[in-house]
């Protein structure tokens, strides 16, 4: 009898929790103005940088005739009236250091591409960041301006730091 009463109470309690109507809830994401502005600027900077995809590498270059890695950063950010240093060395001490797990669009990634050196000599802009997958646009000496993934062996082992300037 006690078991039957216990089962009956359970059935009543579970059935009373159900709603008779199905409710369609819409999830609204509220973005603070302070967060929206950098993301909007980051998209504009990335779109501007992508206009240079395929442009050949030229040391000291900042135009469609030729572009180097820091020149791509300098001109892309300048398109949004953000003044940054012109050289990779100076960019590497600009903004705030961030953990790689926290990178988002518009952040800068720095690399040391010379053998047996951890001295920063290359930079790119994060174009996309998802868990386990970070893409960035940069100017390479071999292929000009391209988009690469940080998970590529070469870039993964050359990575030194990430910085936020927005």
Protein backbone atom coordinates (compact mmCIF):
# COMPACT_ATOMS: atom_id res chain seq x y z
CA UNK A 1 0.00 0.00 0.00
CA UNK A 2 2.83 2.38 0.86
CA UNK A 3 4.49 1.66 -2.47
CA UNK A 4 1.29 2.39 -4.36
CA UNK A 5 0.79 5.65 -2.49
CA UNK A 6 4.41 6.65 -3.16
CA UNK A 7 4.08 5.91 -6.90
CA UNK A 8 0.80 7.84 -7.06
CA UNK A 9 2.41 10.89 -5.41
CA UNK A 10 5.33 10.73 -7.85
CA UNK A 11 3.00 10.54 -10.87
CA UNK A 12 0.95 13.50 -9.65
CA UNK A 13 4.02 15.63 -8.89
CA UNK A 14 5.63 14.97 -12.27
CA UNK A 15 2.45 15.51 -14.24
CA UNK A 16 1.74 18.79 -12.47
CA UNK A 17 5.12 20.17 -13.60
CA UNK A 18 4.19 19.93 -17.27
CA UNK A 19 2.80 22.92 -19.04
CA UNK A 20 -0.25 22.35 -21.16
CA UNK A 21 0.80 24.99 -23.71
CA UNK A 22 4.04 25.00 -25.61
CA UNK A 23 5.80 28.29 -25.26
CA UNK A 24 8.17 29.59 -27.92
CA UNK A 25 10.81 31.59 -26.11
CA UNK A 26 13.02 33.91 -28.10
CA UNK A 27 16.49 34.47 -26.76
CA UNK A 28 17.64 38.05 -26.94
CA UNK A 29 21.30 38.86 -26.70
CA UNK A 30 22.02 42.25 -25.24
CA UNK A 31 25.32 43.74 -26.28
CA UNK A 32 26.66 46.68 -24.38
CA UNK A 33 27.65 49.65 -26.53
CA UNK A 34 31.21 49.42 -25.26
CA UNK A 35 31.42 45.81 -26.58
CA UNK A 36 29.64 46.44 -29.88
CA UNK A 37 31.91 49.24 -31.04
CA UNK A 38 35.18 47.24 -31.03
CA UNK A 39 33.49 44.29 -32.76
CA UNK A 40 32.07 46.56 -35.46
CA UNK A 41 35.47 48.21 -35.93
CA UNK A 42 37.14 44.80 -36.02
CA UNK A 43 34.83 43.66 -38.83
CA UNK A 44 35.60 46.83 -40.80
CA UNK A 45 39.34 46.41 -40.26
CA UNK A 46 39.21 42.77 -41.38
CA UNK A 47 37.11 43.63 -44.44
CA UNK A 48 39.64 46.30 -45.38
CA UNK A 49 42.57 43.91 -44.90
CA UNK A 50 40.85 41.30 -47.10
CA UNK A 51 40.91 43.80 -49.99
CA UNK A 52 44.65 43.12 -50.11
CA UNK A 53 44.36 39.31 -50.42
CA UNK A 54 46.64 38.13 -53.20
CA UNK A 55 48.76 41.29 -53.16
CA UNK A 56 52.45 40.38 -53.42
CA UNK A 57 54.87 40.86 -50.56
CA UNK A 58 57.03 43.99 -50.60
CA UNK A 59 59.22 44.97 -47.68
CA UNK A 60 57.94 48.30 -46.32
CA UNK A 61 54.88 48.14 -48.59
CA UNK A 62 51.46 49.55 -47.67
CA UNK A 63 49.61 49.54 -51.01
CA UNK A 64 48.14 47.14 -53.57
CA UNK A 65 51.49 47.27 -55.37
CA UNK A 66 53.06 45.44 -52.44
CA UNK A 67 52.47 44.87 -48.75
CA UNK A 68 54.47 43.61 -45.79
CA UNK A 69 52.97 42.14 -42.62
CA UNK A 70 53.16 45.23 -40.42
CA UNK A 71 52.09 47.40 -43.37
CA UNK A 72 48.89 45.35 -43.61
CA UNK A 73 48.19 45.94 -39.92
CA UNK A 74 49.08 49.62 -40.10
CA UNK A 75 46.88 50.40 -43.12
CA UNK A 76 43.96 48.24 -42.03
CA UNK A 77 43.70 49.89 -38.63
CA UNK A 78 44.34 53.31 -40.15
CA UNK A 79 41.21 52.78 -42.29
CA UNK A 80 39.24 52.99 -39.02
CA UNK A 81 41.25 56.00 -37.76
CA UNK A 82 43.25 53.87 -35.33
CA UNK A 83 46.88 54.89 -35.29
CA UNK A 84 49.29 52.02 -34.63
CA UNK A 85 53.07 51.76 -34.91
CA UNK A 86 54.42 50.88 -38.35
CA UNK A 87 56.88 48.12 -37.39
CA UNK A 88 56.26 44.63 -36.05
CA UNK A 89 58.72 45.26 -33.22
CA UNK A 90 56.73 48.29 -32.02
CA UNK A 91 53.36 46.60 -32.58
CA UNK A 92 54.50 43.73 -30.34
CA UNK A 93 54.50 46.06 -27.33
CA UNK A 94 51.25 47.89 -28.20
CA UNK A 95 47.91 47.18 -26.57
CA UNK A 96 47.38 44.49 -23.97
CA UNK A 97 48.76 40.96 -23.86
CA UNK A 98 45.97 38.38 -24.00
CA UNK A 99 45.82 34.63 -23.61
CA UNK A 100 45.42 32.73 -26.88
CA UNK A 101 42.16 31.23 -25.55
CA UNK A 102 40.70 34.75 -25.36
CA UNK A 103 41.52 36.01 -28.87
CA UNK A 104 38.76 37.47 -31.00
CA UNK A 105 38.39 39.28 -34.28
CA UNK A 106 40.75 42.21 -34.64
CA UNK A 107 43.37 40.96 -32.18
CA UNK A 108 46.98 40.71 -33.31
CA UNK A 109 49.02 37.51 -33.40
CA UNK A 110 52.80 37.67 -33.30
CA UNK A 111 55.28 35.10 -34.58
CA UNK A 112 59.00 34.36 -34.57
CA UNK A 113 59.75 32.79 -37.95
CA UNK A 114 63.55 32.74 -37.86
CA UNK A 115 65.21 29.48 -36.86
CA UNK A 116 66.29 29.22 -33.23
CA UNK A 117 64.83 32.62 -32.35
CA UNK A 118 61.86 33.73 -30.28
CA UNK A 119 62.24 37.35 -31.41
CA UNK A 120 58.99 38.58 -32.96
CA UNK A 121 59.31 39.34 -36.68
CA UNK A 122 55.82 38.64 -38.10
CA UNK A 123 52.27 39.77 -37.32
CA UNK A 124 48.70 39.02 -38.45
CA UNK A 125 45.12 40.06 -37.64
CA UNK A 126 42.66 37.51 -36.24
CA UNK A 127 39.76 37.19 -38.71
CA UNK A 128 37.89 34.38 -36.99
CA UNK A 129 38.11 32.73 -33.60
CA UNK A 130 36.25 29.62 -32.50
CA UNK A 131 37.26 26.99 -29.99
CA UNK A 132 40.29 25.22 -31.42
CA UNK A 133 40.33 27.27 -34.63
CA UNK A 134 41.89 30.70 -35.05
CA UNK A 135 42.25 32.22 -38.51
CA UNK A 136 44.32 35.28 -39.31
CA UNK A 137 45.21 37.44 -42.31
CA UNK A 138 48.83 38.39 -42.90
CA UNK A 139 51.41 39.14 -45.58
CA UNK A 140 53.88 36.34 -46.26
CA UNK A 141 57.09 36.65 -48.23
CA UNK A 142 56.21 33.57 -50.30
CA UNK A 143 52.47 34.02 -51.05
CA UNK A 144 51.74 37.68 -50.31
CA UNK A 145 48.58 38.53 -48.35
CA UNK A 146 46.72 35.36 -47.35
CA UNK A 147 44.52 33.95 -44.61
CA UNK A 148 45.98 31.09 -42.56
CA UNK A 149 45.00 28.96 -39.58
CA UNK A 150 47.00 29.04 -36.38
CA UNK A 151 46.64 25.26 -36.21
CA UNK A 152 48.91 24.89 -39.27
CA UNK A 153 52.12 23.32 -38.01
CA UNK A 154 54.40 26.16 -39.15
CA UNK A 155 52.33 28.94 -37.56
CA UNK A 156 51.54 26.95 -34.43
CA UNK A 157 55.22 26.47 -33.59
CA UNK A 158 56.16 30.04 -34.59
CA UNK A 159 53.46 31.65 -32.42
CA UNK A 160 54.79 33.92 -29.65
CA UNK A 161 51.96 36.09 -28.32
CA UNK A 162 48.56 37.69 -28.91
CA UNK A 163 47.72 41.33 -28.19
CA UNK A 164 44.50 43.37 -28.13
CA UNK A 165 44.64 46.92 -29.48
CA UNK A 166 40.89 47.57 -29.85
